[in-house]
Amino acid sequence: MDMKPVASSNIQAVGYDESTETMRVQFNNSSVYEYHNIPLIVYNDFMQASSLGAYLNRNIRNNYSYEKIA
């Protein structure tokens, strides 16, 4: 999965696989999480958010399953 660097105080890079609706988030502390069943529209909204961390906490973390992978 290609990871794109992002401008965020807490998130270093984000990747998305549309075929599996999986979003991968690498945080500045080097931990990596995969979020499952993320619709493309949610991913796009996330990437356009003024605060990626706030959007992740408000709209993704408690609404979609995820796992720590690194």
C-alpha atoms as a PDB file:
ATOM      1  CA  MET A   1       0.000   0.000   0.000  1.00  0.00           C
ATOM      2  CA  ASP A   2       1.434   3.385  -0.974  1.00  0.00           C
ATOM      3  CA  MET A   3       1.770   5.690   2.006  1.00  0.00           C
ATOM      4  CA  LYS A   4       1.424   9.438   1.458  1.00  0.00           C
ATOM      5  CA  PRO A   5       3.144  11.850   3.847  1.00  0.00           C
ATOM      6  CA  VAL A   6       0.661  14.238   5.468  1.00  0.00           C
ATOM      7  CA  ALA A   7       0.890  17.554   7.292  1.00  0.00           C
ATOM      8  CA  SER A   8      -0.213  16.689  10.812  1.00  0.00           C
ATOM      9  CA  SER A   9       1.129  17.113  14.328  1.00  0.00           C
ATOM     10  CA  ASN A  10       0.320  13.476  15.145  1.00  0.00           C
ATOM     11  CA  ILE A  11       0.149  11.544  11.844  1.00  0.00           C
ATOM     12  CA  GLN A  12       3.136  10.954   9.569  1.00  0.00           C
ATOM     13  CA  ALA A  13       1.607   9.128   6.594  1.00  0.00           C
ATOM     14  CA  VAL A  14      -1.645   7.615   5.323  1.00  0.00           C
ATOM     15  CA  GLY A  15      -2.366   4.882   2.787  1.00  0.00           C
ATOM     16  CA  TYR A  16      -5.608   3.556   1.324  1.00  0.00           C
ATOM     17  CA  ASP A  17      -6.517   0.415  -0.601  1.00  0.00           C
ATOM     18  CA  GLU A  18      -9.839   1.005  -2.340  1.00  0.00           C
ATOM     19  CA  SER A  19     -10.305  -2.674  -3.269  1.00  0.00           C
ATOM     20  CA  THR A  20     -10.313  -3.764   0.386  1.00  0.00           C
ATOM     21  CA  GLU A  21     -11.457  -0.430   1.885  1.00  0.00           C
ATOM     22  CA  THR A  22      -8.453  -0.522   4.201  1.00  0.00           C
ATOM     23  CA  MET A  23      -6.829   2.661   5.456  1.00  0.00           C
ATOM     24  CA  ARG A  24      -3.379   2.521   7.049  1.00  0.00           C
ATOM     25  CA  VAL A  25      -2.229   5.305   9.343  1.00  0.00           C
ATOM     26  CA  GLN A  26       1.359   5.752  10.503  1.00  0.00           C
ATOM     27  CA  PHE A  27       1.654   7.986  13.534  1.00  0.00           C
ATOM     28  CA  ASN A  28       4.658  10.128  14.425  1.00  0.00           C
ATOM     29  CA  ASN A  29       5.553   7.695  17.228  1.00  0.00           C
ATOM     30  CA  SER A  30       6.038   5.025  14.481  1.00  0.00           C
ATOM     31  CA  SER A  31       2.948   2.995  15.424  1.00  0.00           C
ATOM     32  CA  VAL A  32       0.867   1.855  12.453  1.00  0.00           C
ATOM     33  CA  TYR A  33      -2.841   1.049  12.499  1.00  0.00           C
ATOM     34  CA  GLU A  34      -5.124  -0.383   9.829  1.00  0.00           C
ATOM     35  CA  TYR A  35      -8.757   0.698   9.780  1.00  0.00           C
ATOM     36  CA  HIS A  36     -11.193  -1.626   8.023  1.00  0.00           C
ATOM     37  CA  ASN A  37     -14.261  -1.083   5.799  1.00  0.00           C
ATOM     38  CA  ILE A  38     -13.504   2.608   5.273  1.00  0.00           C
ATOM     39  CA  PRO A  39     -15.571   3.870   2.322  1.00  0.00           C
ATOM     40  CA  LEU A  40     -13.701   5.969  -0.245  1.00  0.00           C
ATOM     41  CA  ILE A  41     -15.818   9.014   0.660  1.00  0.00           C
ATOM     42  CA  VAL A  42     -14.717   8.744   4.311  1.00  0.00           C
ATOM     43  CA  TYR A  43     -11.075   8.426   3.279  1.00  0.00           C
ATOM     44  CA  ASN A  44     -11.389  11.461   1.002  1.00  0.00           C
ATOM     45  CA  ASP A  45     -13.104  13.493   3.736  1.00  0.00           C
ATOM     46  CA  PHE A  46     -10.366  12.459   6.169  1.00  0.00           C
ATOM     47  CA  MET A  47      -7.608  13.535   3.778  1.00  0.00           C
ATOM     48  CA  GLN A  48      -9.315  16.921   3.252  1.00  0.00           C
ATOM     49  CA  ALA A  49      -9.900  17.585   6.958  1.00  0.00           C
ATOM     50  CA  SER A  50      -8.245  20.624   8.509  1.00  0.00           C
ATOM     51  CA  SER A  51      -7.140  18.390  11.416  1.00  0.00           C
ATOM     52  CA  LEU A  52      -6.477  14.766  10.525  1.00  0.00           C
ATOM     53  CA  GLY A  53      -6.125  13.718  14.159  1.00  0.00           C
ATOM     54  CA  ALA A  54      -9.418  15.323  15.179  1.00  0.00           C
ATOM     55  CA  TYR A  55     -11.227  13.774  12.185  1.00  0.00           C
ATOM     56  CA  LEU A  56      -9.770  10.352  12.967  1.00  0.00           C
ATOM     57  CA  ASN A  57     -10.850  10.563  16.604  1.00  0.00           C
ATOM     58  CA  ARG A  58     -14.313  11.959  15.850  1.00  0.00           C
ATOM     59  CA  ASN A  59     -15.336   9.991  12.754  1.00  0.00           C
ATOM     60  CA  ILE A  60     -13.221   6.868  12.342  1.00  0.00           C
ATOM     61  CA  ARG A  61     -11.747   5.472  15.569  1.00  0.00           C
ATOM     62  CA  ASN A  62     -15.077   4.649  17.265  1.00  0.00           C
ATOM     63  CA  ASN A  63     -17.000   3.793  14.088  1.00  0.00           C
ATOM     64  CA  TYR A  64     -14.759   1.317  12.248  1.00  0.00           C
ATOM     65  CA  SER A  65     -12.760  -1.714  13.330  1.00  0.00           C
ATOM     66  CA  TYR A  66      -9.009  -1.334  13.478  1.00  0.00           C
ATOM     67  CA  GLU A  67      -5.873  -3.133  14.535  1.00  0.00           C
ATOM     68  CA  LYS A  68      -2.344  -2.153  15.416  1.00  0.00           C
ATOM     69  CA  ILE A  69       0.044  -3.706  12.893  1.00  0.00           C
ATOM     70  CA  ALA A  70       3.339  -2.103  13.987  1.00  0.00           C
END
